Amino acid sequence: MRASKVADYSGRTLLILFMVITFSITAIAVLLVVDHEAEKTIAKLQSNSAKTEIQAAKNFMDQFFIATDMHISHLVEEPAIIAAVSGDE
């Protein structure tokens, strides 16, 4: 068997081979970069999401405490409750 040389291939075959190799290398590089950027984006979104959830929980608790305070204030001012606590009938 004789070792094949580059000269044994036609120009068209070499061009197609070059294009396939170039496309493959470029595709792999692009996929690696996109994967890395996607991971960074997901991490950033999860971080922002956690911060948003914490802020929403704080806002909910603030509103809950305000509503509870208002409810207790109204109950304390209710004449029937005042009468029941003071023993008046």
C-alpha atoms as a PDB file:
ATOM      1  CA  MET A   1       0.000   0.000   0.000  1.00  0.00           C
ATOM      2  CA  ARG A   2       1.174   3.407  -0.922  1.00  0.00           C
ATOM      3  CA  ALA A   3       0.819   6.332   1.514  1.00  0.00           C
ATOM      4  CA  SER A   4      -1.683   8.853   0.171  1.00  0.00           C
ATOM      5  CA  LYS A   5      -0.462  12.346  -0.407  1.00  0.00           C
ATOM      6  CA  VAL A   6      -2.349  15.614  -0.459  1.00  0.00           C
ATOM      7  CA  ALA A   7      -1.493  15.926  -4.145  1.00  0.00           C
ATOM      8  CA  ASP A   8      -3.534  12.806  -4.863  1.00  0.00           C
ATOM      9  CA  TYR A   9      -6.775  14.619  -3.919  1.00  0.00           C
ATOM     10  CA  SER A  10      -8.552  17.022  -6.224  1.00  0.00           C
ATOM     11  CA  GLY A  11      -8.801  20.714  -5.390  1.00  0.00           C
ATOM     12  CA  ARG A  12     -12.533  20.385  -4.830  1.00  0.00           C
ATOM     13  CA  THR A  13     -12.057  17.544  -2.327  1.00  0.00           C
ATOM     14  CA  LEU A  14      -9.415  19.501  -0.434  1.00  0.00           C
ATOM     15  CA  LEU A  15     -11.645  22.584  -0.361  1.00  0.00           C
ATOM     16  CA  ILE A  16     -14.589  20.570   0.977  1.00  0.00           C
ATOM     17  CA  LEU A  17     -12.343  18.902   3.559  1.00  0.00           C
ATOM     18  CA  PHE A  18     -11.008  22.317   4.644  1.00  0.00           C
ATOM     19  CA  MET A  19     -14.536  23.728   4.902  1.00  0.00           C
ATOM     20  CA  VAL A  20     -15.768  20.751   6.969  1.00  0.00           C
ATOM     21  CA  ILE A  21     -12.834  20.980   9.368  1.00  0.00           C
ATOM     22  CA  THR A  22     -13.190  24.768   9.696  1.00  0.00           C
ATOM     23  CA  PHE A  23     -16.947  24.518  10.250  1.00  0.00           C
ATOM     24  CA  SER A  24     -16.493  21.782  12.859  1.00  0.00           C
ATOM     25  CA  ILE A  25     -13.890  23.742  14.825  1.00  0.00           C
ATOM     26  CA  THR A  26     -15.979  26.921  14.655  1.00  0.00           C
ATOM     27  CA  ALA A  27     -19.157  25.092  15.706  1.00  0.00           C
ATOM     28  CA  ILE A  28     -17.424  23.511  18.701  1.00  0.00           C
ATOM     29  CA  ALA A  29     -15.947  26.871  19.761  1.00  0.00           C
ATOM     30  CA  VAL A  30     -19.314  28.616  19.424  1.00  0.00           C
ATOM     31  CA  LEU A  31     -21.092  25.898  21.406  1.00  0.00           C
ATOM     32  CA  LEU A  32     -18.545  26.136  24.208  1.00  0.00           C
ATOM     33  CA  VAL A  33     -18.841  29.929  24.374  1.00  0.00           C
ATOM     34  CA  VAL A  34     -22.661  29.807  24.275  1.00  0.00           C
ATOM     35  CA  ASP A  35     -22.713  27.152  27.004  1.00  0.00           C
ATOM     36  CA  HIS A  36     -20.437  29.243  29.219  1.00  0.00           C
ATOM     37  CA  GLU A  37     -22.477  32.409  28.659  1.00  0.00           C
ATOM     38  CA  ALA A  38     -25.727  30.511  29.307  1.00  0.00           C
ATOM     39  CA  GLU A  39     -24.395  29.240  32.626  1.00  0.00           C
ATOM     40  CA  LYS A  40     -23.373  32.770  33.640  1.00  0.00           C
ATOM     41  CA  THR A  41     -26.779  34.129  32.621  1.00  0.00           C
ATOM     42  CA  ILE A  42     -28.654  31.421  34.528  1.00  0.00           C
ATOM     43  CA  ALA A  43     -26.577  32.056  37.652  1.00  0.00           C
ATOM     44  CA  LYS A  44     -27.256  35.798  37.409  1.00  0.00           C
ATOM     45  CA  LEU A  45     -30.994  35.260  36.881  1.00  0.00           C
ATOM     46  CA  GLN A  46     -31.188  32.876  39.830  1.00  0.00           C
ATOM     47  CA  SER A  47     -29.336  35.390  42.004  1.00  0.00           C
ATOM     48  CA  ASN A  48     -31.674  38.200  40.965  1.00  0.00           C
ATOM     49  CA  SER A  49     -34.682  35.919  41.403  1.00  0.00           C
ATOM     50  CA  ALA A  50     -33.642  35.065  44.954  1.00  0.00           C
ATOM     51  CA  LYS A  51     -33.204  38.761  45.761  1.00  0.00           C
ATOM     52  CA  THR A  52     -36.626  39.521  44.287  1.00  0.00           C
ATOM     53  CA  GLU A  53     -38.232  36.698  46.273  1.00  0.00           C
ATOM     54  CA  ILE A  54     -36.646  37.933  49.502  1.00  0.00           C
ATOM     55  CA  GLN A  55     -37.852  41.482  48.813  1.00  0.00           C
ATOM     56  CA  ALA A  56     -41.353  40.196  48.027  1.00  0.00           C
ATOM     57  CA  ALA A  57     -41.372  38.229  51.288  1.00  0.00           C
ATOM     58  CA  LYS A  58     -40.271  41.335  53.206  1.00  0.00           C
ATOM     59  CA  ASN A  59     -43.000  43.398  51.561  1.00  0.00           C
ATOM     60  CA  PHE A  60     -45.595  40.723  52.377  1.00  0.00           C
ATOM     61  CA  MET A  61     -44.531  40.580  56.014  1.00  0.00           C
ATOM     62  CA  ASP A  62     -44.584  44.379  56.279  1.00  0.00           C
ATOM     63  CA  GLN A  63     -48.120  44.487  54.875  1.00  0.00           C
ATOM     64  CA  PHE A  64     -49.150  41.607  57.148  1.00  0.00           C
ATOM     65  CA  PHE A  65     -47.865  43.412  60.248  1.00  0.00           C
ATOM     66  CA  ILE A  66     -49.549  46.663  59.212  1.00  0.00           C
ATOM     67  CA  ALA A  67     -52.863  44.852  58.647  1.00  0.00           C
ATOM     68  CA  THR A  68     -52.531  42.974  61.948  1.00  0.00           C
ATOM     69  CA  ASP A  69     -51.754  46.189  63.803  1.00  0.00           C
ATOM     70  CA  MET A  70     -54.789  47.891  62.267  1.00  0.00           C
ATOM     71  CA  HIS A  71     -56.974  44.901  63.107  1.00  0.00           C
ATOM     72  CA  ILE A  72     -55.813  44.867  66.741  1.00  0.00           C
ATOM     73  CA  SER A  73     -56.306  48.636  66.970  1.00  0.00           C
ATOM     74  CA  HIS A  74     -59.887  48.288  65.753  1.00  0.00           C
ATOM     75  CA  LEU A  75     -60.556  45.432  68.166  1.00  0.00           C
ATOM     76  CA  VAL A  76     -59.214  47.445  71.115  1.00  0.00           C
ATOM     77  CA  GLU A  77     -61.531  50.325  70.230  1.00  0.00           C
ATOM     78  CA  GLU A  78     -64.599  48.077  69.853  1.00  0.00           C
ATOM     79  CA  PRO A  79     -67.083  48.908  72.680  1.00  0.00           C
ATOM     80  CA  ALA A  80     -68.251  45.302  73.061  1.00  0.00           C
ATOM     81  CA  ILE A  81     -64.705  44.070  73.608  1.00  0.00           C
ATOM     82  CA  ILE A  82     -63.963  46.895  76.041  1.00  0.00           C
ATOM     83  CA  ALA A  83     -67.095  46.024  77.983  1.00  0.00           C
ATOM     84  CA  ALA A  84     -66.236  42.315  78.006  1.00  0.00           C
ATOM     85  CA  VAL A  85     -62.700  42.932  79.256  1.00  0.00           C
ATOM     86  CA  SER A  86     -63.754  45.459  81.892  1.00  0.00           C
ATOM     87  CA  GLY A  87     -66.501  43.159  83.141  1.00  0.00           C
ATOM     88  CA  ASP A  88     -69.368  45.471  82.188  1.00  0.00           C
ATOM     89  CA  GLU A  89     -72.404  43.835  80.714  1.00  0.00           C
END
